[in-house]
All heavy atoms as atom14 arrays in JSON, in Angstrom:
{
  "sequence": "DRHGAPHVTLLIRTIIESEGNANALIEPVISAVSKLMVFEREWPNRGL",
  "atom14_mask": [
    [1, 1, 1, 1, 1, 1, 1, 1, 0, 0, 0, 0, 0, 0],
    [1, 1, 1, 1, 1, 1, 1, 1, 1, 1, 1, 0, 0, 0],
    [1, 1, 1, 1, 1, 1, 1, 1, 1, 1, 0, 0, 0, 0],
    [1, 1, 1, 1, 0, 0, 0, 0, 0, 0, 0, 0, 0, 0],
    [1, 1, 1, 1, 1, 0, 0, 0, 0, 0, 0, 0, 0, 0],
    [1, 1, 1, 1, 1, 1, 1, 0, 0, 0, 0, 0, 0, 0],
    [1, 1, 1, 1, 1, 1, 1, 1, 1, 1, 0, 0, 0, 0],
    [1, 1, 1, 1, 1, 1, 1, 0, 0, 0, 0, 0, 0, 0],
    [1, 1, 1, 1, 1, 1, 1, 0, 0, 0, 0, 0, 0, 0],
    [1, 1, 1, 1, 1, 1, 1, 1, 0, 0, 0, 0, 0, 0],
    [1, 1, 1, 1, 1, 1, 1, 1, 0, 0, 0, 0, 0, 0],
    [1, 1, 1, 1, 1, 1, 1, 1, 0, 0, 0, 0, 0, 0],
    [1, 1, 1, 1, 1, 1, 1, 1, 1, 1, 1, 0, 0, 0],
    [1, 1, 1, 1, 1, 1, 1, 0, 0, 0, 0, 0, 0, 0],
    [1, 1, 1, 1, 1, 1, 1, 1, 0, 0, 0, 0, 0, 0],
    [1, 1, 1, 1, 1, 1, 1, 1, 0, 0, 0, 0, 0, 0],
    [1, 1, 1, 1, 1, 1, 1, 1, 1, 0, 0, 0, 0, 0],
    [1, 1, 1, 1, 1, 1, 0, 0, 0, 0, 0, 0, 0, 0],
    [1, 1, 1, 1, 1, 1, 1, 1, 1, 0, 0, 0, 0, 0],
    [1, 1, 1, 1, 0, 0, 0, 0, 0, 0, 0, 0, 0, 0],
    [1, 1, 1, 1, 1, 1, 1, 1, 0, 0, 0, 0, 0, 0],
    [1, 1, 1, 1, 1, 0, 0, 0, 0, 0, 0, 0, 0, 0],
    [1, 1, 1, 1, 1, 1, 1, 1, 0, 0, 0, 0, 0, 0],
    [1, 1, 1, 1, 1, 0, 0, 0, 0, 0, 0, 0, 0, 0],
    [1, 1, 1, 1, 1, 1, 1, 1, 0, 0, 0, 0, 0, 0],
    [1, 1, 1, 1, 1, 1, 1, 1, 0, 0, 0, 0, 0, 0],
    [1, 1, 1, 1, 1, 1, 1, 1, 1, 0, 0, 0, 0, 0],
    [1, 1, 1, 1, 1, 1, 1, 0, 0, 0, 0, 0, 0, 0],
    [1, 1, 1, 1, 1, 1, 1, 0, 0, 0, 0, 0, 0, 0],
    [1, 1, 1, 1, 1, 1, 1, 1, 0, 0, 0, 0, 0, 0],
    [1, 1, 1, 1, 1, 1, 0, 0, 0, 0, 0, 0, 0, 0],
    [1, 1, 1, 1, 1, 0, 0, 0, 0, 0, 0, 0, 0, 0],
    [1, 1, 1, 1, 1, 1, 1, 0, 0, 0, 0, 0, 0, 0],
    [1, 1, 1, 1, 1, 1, 0, 0, 0, 0, 0, 0, 0, 0],
    [1, 1, 1, 1, 1, 1, 1, 1, 1, 0, 0, 0, 0, 0],
    [1, 1, 1, 1, 1, 1, 1, 1, 0, 0, 0, 0, 0, 0],
    [1, 1, 1, 1, 1, 1, 1, 1, 0, 0, 0, 0, 0, 0],
    [1, 1, 1, 1, 1, 1, 1, 0, 0, 0, 0, 0, 0, 0],
    [1, 1, 1, 1, 1, 1, 1, 1, 1, 1, 1, 0, 0, 0],
    [1, 1, 1, 1, 1, 1, 1, 1, 1, 0, 0, 0, 0, 0],
    [1, 1, 1, 1, 1, 1, 1, 1, 1, 1, 1, 0, 0, 0],
    [1, 1, 1, 1, 1, 1, 1, 1, 1, 0, 0, 0, 0, 0],
    [1, 1, 1, 1, 1, 1, 1, 1, 1, 1, 1, 1, 1, 1],
    [1, 1, 1, 1, 1, 1, 1, 0, 0, 0, 0, 0, 0, 0],
    [1, 1, 1, 1, 1, 1, 1, 1, 0, 0, 0, 0, 0, 0],
    [1, 1, 1, 1, 1, 1, 1, 1, 1, 1, 1, 0, 0, 0],
    [1, 1, 1, 1, 0, 0, 0, 0, 0, 0, 0, 0, 0, 0],
    [1, 1, 1, 1, 1, 1, 1, 1, 0, 0, 0, 0, 0, 0]
  ],
  "atom14_positions": [
    [[158.12, 159.91, 52.93], [157.67, 160.02, 51.54], [156.33, 159.32, 51.32], [155.48, 159.82, 50.59], [158.71, 159.41, 50.59], [160.03, 160.17, 50.59], [160.06, 161.33, 51.03], [161.05, 159.58, 50.15], [0.0, 0.0, 0.0], [0.0, 0.0, 0.0], [0.0, 0.0, 0.0], [0.0, 0.0, 0.0], [0.0, 0.0, 0.0], [0.0, 0.0, 0.0]],
    [[156.13, 158.19, 51.97], [154.93, 157.38, 51.75], [153.73, 157.85, 52.56], [152.61, 157.89, 52.07], [155.23, 155.92, 52.09], [154.07, 154.98, 51.8], [154.41, 153.53, 52.07], [155.52, 153.13, 51.23], [156.37, 152.15, 51.53], [156.24, 151.48, 52.66], [157.35, 151.84, 50.72], [0.0, 0.0, 0.0], [0.0, 0.0, 0.0], [0.0, 0.0, 0.0]],
    [[153.95, 158.19, 53.84], [152.84, 158.47, 54.75], [152.76, 159.92, 55.22], [151.76, 160.31, 55.81], [152.92, 157.57, 55.98], [152.92, 156.11, 55.66], [151.83, 155.46, 55.12], [153.89, 155.16, 55.79], [152.11, 154.18, 54.94], [153.35, 153.98, 55.34], [0.0, 0.0, 0.0], [0.0, 0.0, 0.0], [0.0, 0.0, 0.0], [0.0, 0.0, 0.0]],
    [[153.82, 160.69, 55.04], [153.81, 162.09, 55.42], [154.39, 162.37, 56.8], [154.63, 161.46, 57.59], [0.0, 0.0, 0.0], [0.0, 0.0, 0.0], [0.0, 0.0, 0.0], [0.0, 0.0, 0.0], [0.0, 0.0, 0.0], [0.0, 0.0, 0.0], [0.0, 0.0, 0.0], [0.0, 0.0, 0.0], [0.0, 0.0, 0.0], [0.0, 0.0, 0.0]],
    [[154.6, 163.66, 57.05], [155.23, 164.1, 58.29], [154.43, 163.77, 59.55], [155.03, 163.37, 60.56], [155.52, 165.61, 58.23], [0.0, 0.0, 0.0], [0.0, 0.0, 0.0], [0.0, 0.0, 0.0], [0.0, 0.0, 0.0], [0.0, 0.0, 0.0], [0.0, 0.0, 0.0], [0.0, 0.0, 0.0], [0.0, 0.0, 0.0], [0.0, 0.0, 0.0]],
    [[153.1, 163.89, 59.56], [152.36, 163.56, 60.79], [152.56, 162.1, 61.21], [152.7, 161.8, 62.4], [150.89, 163.84, 60.43], [150.97, 164.87, 59.35], [152.2, 164.51, 58.56], [0.0, 0.0, 0.0], [0.0, 0.0, 0.0], [0.0, 0.0, 0.0], [0.0, 0.0, 0.0], [0.0, 0.0, 0.0], [0.0, 0.0, 0.0], [0.0, 0.0, 0.0]],
    [[152.6, 161.2, 60.25], [152.82, 159.78, 60.55], [154.2, 159.58, 61.18], [154.32, 158.92, 62.22], [152.7, 158.95, 59.26], [152.98, 157.49, 59.44], [151.99, 156.59, 59.74], [154.14, 156.78, 59.35], [152.53, 155.38, 59.85], [153.84, 155.46, 59.61], [0.0, 0.0, 0.0], [0.0, 0.0, 0.0], [0.0, 0.0, 0.0], [0.0, 0.0, 0.0]],
    [[155.22, 160.15, 60.57], [156.59, 159.98, 61.06], [156.76, 160.65, 62.43], [157.41, 160.09, 63.32], [157.62, 160.5, 60.03], [159.02, 160.51, 60.62], [157.57, 159.65, 58.77], [0.0, 0.0, 0.0], [0.0, 0.0, 0.0], [0.0, 0.0, 0.0], [0.0, 0.0, 0.0], [0.0, 0.0, 0.0], [0.0, 0.0, 0.0], [0.0, 0.0, 0.0]],
    [[156.15, 161.8, 62.62], [156.24, 162.49, 63.9], [155.62, 161.63, 65.01], [156.24, 161.43, 66.07], [155.53, 163.86, 63.84], [156.16, 164.66, 62.85], [155.57, 164.57, 65.18], [0.0, 0.0, 0.0], [0.0, 0.0, 0.0], [0.0, 0.0, 0.0], [0.0, 0.0, 0.0], [0.0, 0.0, 0.0], [0.0, 0.0, 0.0], [0.0, 0.0, 0.0]],
    [[154.43, 161.09, 64.78], [153.8, 160.24, 65.79], [154.58, 158.95, 65.98], [154.73, 158.46, 67.1], [152.34, 159.93, 65.42], [151.57, 159.1, 66.44], [151.56, 159.77, 67.83], [150.15, 158.85, 65.96], [0.0, 0.0, 0.0], [0.0, 0.0, 0.0], [0.0, 0.0, 0.0], [0.0, 0.0, 0.0], [0.0, 0.0, 0.0], [0.0, 0.0, 0.0]],
    [[155.12, 158.4, 64.93], [155.93, 157.19, 65.01], [157.13, 157.4, 65.93], [157.37, 156.62, 66.86], [156.41, 156.81, 63.6], [157.46, 155.72, 63.47], [156.94, 154.41, 64.02], [157.85, 155.56, 62.01], [0.0, 0.0, 0.0], [0.0, 0.0, 0.0], [0.0, 0.0, 0.0], [0.0, 0.0, 0.0], [0.0, 0.0, 0.0], [0.0, 0.0, 0.0]],
    [[157.86, 158.48, 65.71], [159.03, 158.78, 66.54], [158.61, 159.06, 67.98], [159.21, 158.54, 68.92], [159.82, 159.96, 65.95], [160.46, 159.55, 64.62], [160.89, 160.45, 66.93], [161.05, 160.7, 63.83], [0.0, 0.0, 0.0], [0.0, 0.0, 0.0], [0.0, 0.0, 0.0], [0.0, 0.0, 0.0], [0.0, 0.0, 0.0], [0.0, 0.0, 0.0]],
    [[157.58, 159.86, 68.15], [157.11, 160.18, 69.51], [156.65, 158.93, 70.25], [156.91, 158.77, 71.44], [155.98, 161.2, 69.46], [156.46, 162.59, 69.06], [155.39, 163.61, 69.2], [155.06, 163.75, 70.62], [153.92, 164.25, 71.08], [152.99, 164.64, 70.24], [153.7, 164.35, 72.37], [0.0, 0.0, 0.0], [0.0, 0.0, 0.0], [0.0, 0.0, 0.0]],
    [[155.97, 158.04, 69.55], [155.49, 156.8, 70.17], [156.66, 156.03, 70.76], [156.58, 155.54, 71.9], [154.74, 155.93, 69.14], [153.6, 156.67, 68.68], [154.31, 154.61, 69.74], [0.0, 0.0, 0.0], [0.0, 0.0, 0.0], [0.0, 0.0, 0.0], [0.0, 0.0, 0.0], [0.0, 0.0, 0.0], [0.0, 0.0, 0.0], [0.0, 0.0, 0.0]],
    [[157.72, 155.93, 70.02], [158.87, 155.14, 70.47], [159.65, 155.88, 71.56], [159.86, 155.34, 72.64], [159.77, 154.78, 69.28], [159.01, 153.88, 68.3], [161.06, 154.11, 69.77], [159.69, 153.67, 66.97], [0.0, 0.0, 0.0], [0.0, 0.0, 0.0], [0.0, 0.0, 0.0], [0.0, 0.0, 0.0], [0.0, 0.0, 0.0], [0.0, 0.0, 0.0]],
    [[160.05, 157.1, 71.3], [160.97, 157.75, 72.24], [160.3, 158.33, 73.47], [160.95, 158.51, 74.49], [161.86, 158.82, 71.56], [161.03, 159.99, 71.06], [162.68, 158.21, 70.45], [161.88, 161.16, 70.57], [0.0, 0.0, 0.0], [0.0, 0.0, 0.0], [0.0, 0.0, 0.0], [0.0, 0.0, 0.0], [0.0, 0.0, 0.0], [0.0, 0.0, 0.0]],
    [[159.0, 158.58, 73.4], [158.3, 159.14, 74.56], [157.66, 158.09, 75.44], [157.21, 158.4, 76.54], [157.27, 160.18, 74.13], [157.9, 161.43, 73.56], [156.88, 162.5, 73.17], [155.69, 162.37, 73.53], [157.28, 163.46, 72.5], [0.0, 0.0, 0.0], [0.0, 0.0, 0.0], [0.0, 0.0, 0.0], [0.0, 0.0, 0.0], [0.0, 0.0, 0.0]],
    [[157.61, 156.85, 74.97], [157.07, 155.81, 75.84], [158.16, 155.38, 76.82], [159.34, 155.37, 76.5], [156.54, 154.63, 75.03], [157.54, 154.04, 74.23], [0.0, 0.0, 0.0], [0.0, 0.0, 0.0], [0.0, 0.0, 0.0], [0.0, 0.0, 0.0], [0.0, 0.0, 0.0], [0.0, 0.0, 0.0], [0.0, 0.0, 0.0], [0.0, 0.0, 0.0]],
    [[157.73, 155.05, 78.01], [158.64, 154.78, 79.12], [159.61, 153.63, 78.81], [159.19, 152.54, 78.44], [157.82, 154.43, 80.36], [158.63, 154.33, 81.62], [157.74, 154.14, 82.82], [156.73, 154.87, 82.93], [158.05, 153.27, 83.64], [0.0, 0.0, 0.0], [0.0, 0.0, 0.0], [0.0, 0.0, 0.0], [0.0, 0.0, 0.0], [0.0, 0.0, 0.0]],
    [[160.89, 153.93, 78.92], [161.92, 152.91, 78.74], [162.27, 152.57, 77.31], [163.06, 151.66, 77.07], [0.0, 0.0, 0.0], [0.0, 0.0, 0.0], [0.0, 0.0, 0.0], [0.0, 0.0, 0.0], [0.0, 0.0, 0.0], [0.0, 0.0, 0.0], [0.0, 0.0, 0.0], [0.0, 0.0, 0.0], [0.0, 0.0, 0.0], [0.0, 0.0, 0.0]],
    [[161.71, 153.28, 76.34], [161.92, 152.93, 74.94], [162.7, 153.97, 74.14], [162.78, 153.87, 72.91], [160.58, 152.65, 74.26], [159.95, 151.38, 74.75], [160.63, 150.39, 74.98], [158.65, 151.4, 74.93], [0.0, 0.0, 0.0], [0.0, 0.0, 0.0], [0.0, 0.0, 0.0], [0.0, 0.0, 0.0], [0.0, 0.0, 0.0], [0.0, 0.0, 0.0]],
    [[163.29, 154.93, 74.81], [164.0, 156.0, 74.1], [165.13, 155.48, 73.22], [165.46, 156.08, 72.21], [164.54, 157.02, 75.1], [0.0, 0.0, 0.0], [0.0, 0.0, 0.0], [0.0, 0.0, 0.0], [0.0, 0.0, 0.0], [0.0, 0.0, 0.0], [0.0, 0.0, 0.0], [0.0, 0.0, 0.0], [0.0, 0.0, 0.0], [0.0, 0.0, 0.0]],
    [[165.69, 154.33, 73.58], [166.8, 153.78, 72.81], [166.32, 152.81, 71.71], [167.14, 152.15, 71.07], [167.78, 153.05, 73.73], [167.15, 151.85, 74.41], [165.94, 151.78, 74.56], [167.98, 150.93, 74.85], [0.0, 0.0, 0.0], [0.0, 0.0, 0.0], [0.0, 0.0, 0.0], [0.0, 0.0, 0.0], [0.0, 0.0, 0.0], [0.0, 0.0, 0.0]],
    [[165.03, 152.74, 71.47], [164.48, 151.76, 70.53], [164.21, 152.34, 69.15], [163.48, 151.73, 68.36], [163.2, 151.17, 71.11], [0.0, 0.0, 0.0], [0.0, 0.0, 0.0], [0.0, 0.0, 0.0], [0.0, 0.0, 0.0], [0.0, 0.0, 0.0], [0.0, 0.0, 0.0], [0.0, 0.0, 0.0], [0.0, 0.0, 0.0], [0.0, 0.0, 0.0]],
    [[164.79, 153.46, 68.82], [164.57, 154.07, 67.51], [165.52, 153.41, 66.5], [166.45, 154.02, 65.99], [164.79, 155.58, 67.59], [164.16, 156.41, 66.48], [162.65, 156.22, 66.44], [164.49, 157.88, 66.65], [0.0, 0.0, 0.0], [0.0, 0.0, 0.0], [0.0, 0.0, 0.0], [0.0, 0.0, 0.0], [0.0, 0.0, 0.0], [0.0, 0.0, 0.0]],
    [[165.26, 152.13, 66.24], [166.06, 151.35, 65.31], [165.13, 150.73, 64.27], [163.91, 150.63, 64.48], [166.9, 150.27, 66.02], [166.01, 149.28, 66.75], [167.9, 150.91, 66.98], [166.75, 148.08, 67.3], [0.0, 0.0, 0.0], [0.0, 0.0, 0.0], [0.0, 0.0, 0.0], [0.0, 0.0, 0.0], [0.0, 0.0, 0.0], [0.0, 0.0, 0.0]],
    [[165.7, 150.27, 63.18], [164.92, 149.85, 62.01], [163.82, 148.83, 62.3], [162.67, 149.06, 61.93], [165.86, 149.37, 60.9], [165.17, 149.22, 59.55], [164.39, 147.92, 59.43], [164.82, 146.89, 60.0], [163.31, 147.94, 58.81], [0.0, 0.0, 0.0], [0.0, 0.0, 0.0], [0.0, 0.0, 0.0], [0.0, 0.0, 0.0], [0.0, 0.0, 0.0]],
    [[164.08, 147.7, 62.96], [162.98, 146.75, 63.15], [161.82, 147.32, 63.97], [160.65, 147.05, 63.68], [163.62, 145.56, 63.88], [165.08, 145.73, 63.73], [165.34, 147.18, 63.5], [0.0, 0.0, 0.0], [0.0, 0.0, 0.0], [0.0, 0.0, 0.0], [0.0, 0.0, 0.0], [0.0, 0.0, 0.0], [0.0, 0.0, 0.0], [0.0, 0.0, 0.0]],
    [[162.13, 148.12, 64.97], [161.08, 148.71, 65.82], [160.32, 149.76, 65.02], [159.08, 149.8, 65.06], [161.69, 149.31, 67.1], [160.62, 150.04, 67.91], [162.36, 148.22, 67.93], [0.0, 0.0, 0.0], [0.0, 0.0, 0.0], [0.0, 0.0, 0.0], [0.0, 0.0, 0.0], [0.0, 0.0, 0.0], [0.0, 0.0, 0.0], [0.0, 0.0, 0.0]],
    [[161.03, 150.6, 64.29], [160.39, 151.62, 63.47], [159.43, 150.96, 62.47], [158.3, 151.4, 62.31], [161.44, 152.47, 62.73], [162.2, 153.35, 63.73], [160.81, 153.31, 61.63], [163.43, 154.0, 63.14], [0.0, 0.0, 0.0], [0.0, 0.0, 0.0], [0.0, 0.0, 0.0], [0.0, 0.0, 0.0], [0.0, 0.0, 0.0], [0.0, 0.0, 0.0]],
    [[159.89, 149.91, 61.82], [159.05, 149.21, 60.85], [157.8, 148.63, 61.5], [156.69, 148.74, 60.96], [159.85, 148.09, 60.17], [160.89, 148.63, 59.4], [0.0, 0.0, 0.0], [0.0, 0.0, 0.0], [0.0, 0.0, 0.0], [0.0, 0.0, 0.0], [0.0, 0.0, 0.0], [0.0, 0.0, 0.0], [0.0, 0.0, 0.0], [0.0, 0.0, 0.0]],
    [[157.98, 147.99, 62.65], [156.85, 147.35, 63.33], [155.81, 148.37, 63.79], [154.61, 148.17, 63.58], [157.36, 146.54, 64.52], [0.0, 0.0, 0.0], [0.0, 0.0, 0.0], [0.0, 0.0, 0.0], [0.0, 0.0, 0.0], [0.0, 0.0, 0.0], [0.0, 0.0, 0.0], [0.0, 0.0, 0.0], [0.0, 0.0, 0.0], [0.0, 0.0, 0.0]],
    [[156.26, 149.45, 64.41], [155.32, 150.46, 64.92], [154.61, 151.16, 63.76], [153.4, 151.39, 63.82], [156.03, 151.45, 65.86], [155.09, 152.57, 66.28], [156.57, 150.72, 67.09], [0.0, 0.0, 0.0], [0.0, 0.0, 0.0], [0.0, 0.0, 0.0], [0.0, 0.0, 0.0], [0.0, 0.0, 0.0], [0.0, 0.0, 0.0], [0.0, 0.0, 0.0]],
    [[155.34, 151.46, 62.69], [154.71, 152.1, 61.54], [153.65, 151.21, 60.92], [152.54, 151.65, 60.61], [155.77, 152.45, 60.49], [155.16, 153.03, 59.35], [0.0, 0.0, 0.0], [0.0, 0.0, 0.0], [0.0, 0.0, 0.0], [0.0, 0.0, 0.0], [0.0, 0.0, 0.0], [0.0, 0.0, 0.0], [0.0, 0.0, 0.0], [0.0, 0.0, 0.0]],
    [[153.97, 149.94, 60.76], [153.01, 149.0, 60.19], [151.77, 148.9, 61.08], [150.64, 148.83, 60.59], [153.68, 147.64, 60.03], [152.88, 146.65, 59.24], [153.72, 145.41, 58.95], [152.99, 144.45, 58.04], [153.83, 143.3, 57.68], [0.0, 0.0, 0.0], [0.0, 0.0, 0.0], [0.0, 0.0, 0.0], [0.0, 0.0, 0.0], [0.0, 0.0, 0.0]],
    [[151.97, 148.91, 62.38], [150.86, 148.88, 63.32], [149.99, 150.12, 63.16], [148.76, 150.02, 63.17], [151.41, 148.79, 64.74], [150.42, 148.55, 65.86], [149.67, 147.23, 65.67], [151.15, 148.55, 67.18], [0.0, 0.0, 0.0], [0.0, 0.0, 0.0], [0.0, 0.0, 0.0], [0.0, 0.0, 0.0], [0.0, 0.0, 0.0], [0.0, 0.0, 0.0]],
    [[150.61, 151.27, 62.98], [149.87, 152.51, 62.8], [149.03, 152.48, 61.51], [147.94, 153.05, 61.46], [150.83, 153.71, 62.76], [151.48, 154.0, 64.1], [152.83, 155.2, 63.99], [151.94, 156.67, 63.46], [0.0, 0.0, 0.0], [0.0, 0.0, 0.0], [0.0, 0.0, 0.0], [0.0, 0.0, 0.0], [0.0, 0.0, 0.0], [0.0, 0.0, 0.0]],
    [[149.53, 151.81, 60.49], [148.82, 151.72, 59.21], [147.67, 150.71, 59.3], [146.57, 150.98, 58.83], [149.8, 151.35, 58.07], [149.06, 151.0, 56.8], [150.78, 152.49, 57.84], [0.0, 0.0, 0.0], [0.0, 0.0, 0.0], [0.0, 0.0, 0.0], [0.0, 0.0, 0.0], [0.0, 0.0, 0.0], [0.0, 0.0, 0.0], [0.0, 0.0, 0.0]],
    [[147.92, 149.56, 59.92], [146.91, 148.5, 59.96], [145.83, 148.73, 61.01], [144.71, 148.27, 60.85], [147.57, 147.14, 60.19], [148.1, 146.53, 58.93], [149.37, 146.82, 58.49], [147.31, 145.67, 58.18], [149.86, 146.27, 57.32], [147.79, 145.11, 57.0], [149.08, 145.41, 56.57], [0.0, 0.0, 0.0], [0.0, 0.0, 0.0], [0.0, 0.0, 0.0]],
    [[146.18, 149.41, 62.08], [145.21, 149.67, 63.15], [145.05, 151.19, 63.31], [145.38, 151.76, 64.34], [145.68, 149.03, 64.47], [145.84, 147.53, 64.41], [144.52, 146.79, 64.2], [143.44, 147.38, 64.33], [144.6, 145.58, 63.88], [0.0, 0.0, 0.0], [0.0, 0.0, 0.0], [0.0, 0.0, 0.0], [0.0, 0.0, 0.0], [0.0, 0.0, 0.0]],
    [[144.55, 151.83, 62.29], [144.5, 153.3, 62.21], [143.79, 153.97, 63.39], [144.12, 155.08, 63.76], [143.84, 153.74, 60.91], [144.67, 153.42, 59.7], [144.05, 154.03, 58.45], [144.81, 153.67, 57.28], [145.87, 154.33, 56.85], [146.29, 155.37, 57.52], [146.51, 153.96, 55.77], [0.0, 0.0, 0.0], [0.0, 0.0, 0.0], [0.0, 0.0, 0.0]],
    [[142.8, 153.3, 63.97], [142.06, 153.94, 65.06], [142.86, 153.97, 66.36], [142.64, 154.84, 67.2], [140.7, 153.25, 65.28], [140.76, 151.85, 65.83], [141.06, 150.75, 64.8], [141.19, 151.05, 63.6], [141.18, 149.58, 65.22], [0.0, 0.0, 0.0], [0.0, 0.0, 0.0], [0.0, 0.0, 0.0], [0.0, 0.0, 0.0], [0.0, 0.0, 0.0]],
    [[143.78, 153.05, 66.57], [144.54, 153.02, 67.81], [145.4, 154.26, 68.01], [145.36, 154.87, 69.08], [145.39, 151.76, 67.91], [144.61, 150.48, 68.01], [143.25, 150.34, 68.12], [145.14, 149.17, 67.98], [142.91, 149.01, 68.16], [144.05, 148.26, 68.09], [146.42, 148.66, 67.89], [144.23, 146.88, 68.1], [146.59, 147.28, 67.89], [145.5, 146.41, 68.01]],
    [[146.2, 154.68, 67.03], [147.01, 155.89, 67.23], [146.17, 157.15, 67.44], [146.64, 158.12, 68.03], [147.83, 156.01, 65.94], [147.82, 154.65, 65.34], [146.53, 154.02, 65.76], [0.0, 0.0, 0.0], [0.0, 0.0, 0.0], [0.0, 0.0, 0.0], [0.0, 0.0, 0.0], [0.0, 0.0, 0.0], [0.0, 0.0, 0.0], [0.0, 0.0, 0.0]],
    [[144.94, 157.13, 66.99], [144.06, 158.29, 67.16], [143.56, 158.44, 68.58], [142.85, 159.39, 68.89], [142.87, 158.19, 66.2], [143.28, 158.39, 64.77], [144.28, 159.04, 64.48], [142.52, 157.82, 63.86], [0.0, 0.0, 0.0], [0.0, 0.0, 0.0], [0.0, 0.0, 0.0], [0.0, 0.0, 0.0], [0.0, 0.0, 0.0], [0.0, 0.0, 0.0]],
    [[143.93, 157.55, 69.46], [143.5, 157.63, 70.87], [144.39, 158.54, 71.7], [144.29, 158.56, 72.93], [143.44, 156.24, 71.46], [142.44, 155.38, 70.7], [141.8, 154.38, 71.54], [140.92, 153.54, 70.74], [140.46, 152.4, 71.14], [140.78, 151.95, 72.33], [139.67, 151.69, 70.38], [0.0, 0.0, 0.0], [0.0, 0.0, 0.0], [0.0, 0.0, 0.0]],
    [[145.27, 159.27, 71.04], [146.08, 160.28, 71.73], [147.06, 159.68, 72.7], [147.8, 158.75, 72.4], [0.0, 0.0, 0.0], [0.0, 0.0, 0.0], [0.0, 0.0, 0.0], [0.0, 0.0, 0.0], [0.0, 0.0, 0.0], [0.0, 0.0, 0.0], [0.0, 0.0, 0.0], [0.0, 0.0, 0.0], [0.0, 0.0, 0.0], [0.0, 0.0, 0.0]],
    [[147.06, 160.23, 73.9], [148.02, 159.83, 74.92], [147.88, 158.36, 75.29], [148.87, 157.7, 75.63], [147.87, 160.71, 76.16], [148.96, 160.61, 77.21], [150.34, 160.86, 76.61], [148.69, 161.6, 78.32], [0.0, 0.0, 0.0], [0.0, 0.0, 0.0], [0.0, 0.0, 0.0], [0.0, 0.0, 0.0], [0.0, 0.0, 0.0], [0.0, 0.0, 0.0]]
  ]
}
């Protein structure tokens, strides 16, 4: 609702597609990664 589908899609992909983190789709991790994406906007734009 706040950031839109592209943000949430990248957030989920970041967590579950990174090596060894598929089981980390839990609230504290989701919050931390999302906040990182908001505060450091240029980092997620680096693609892979």
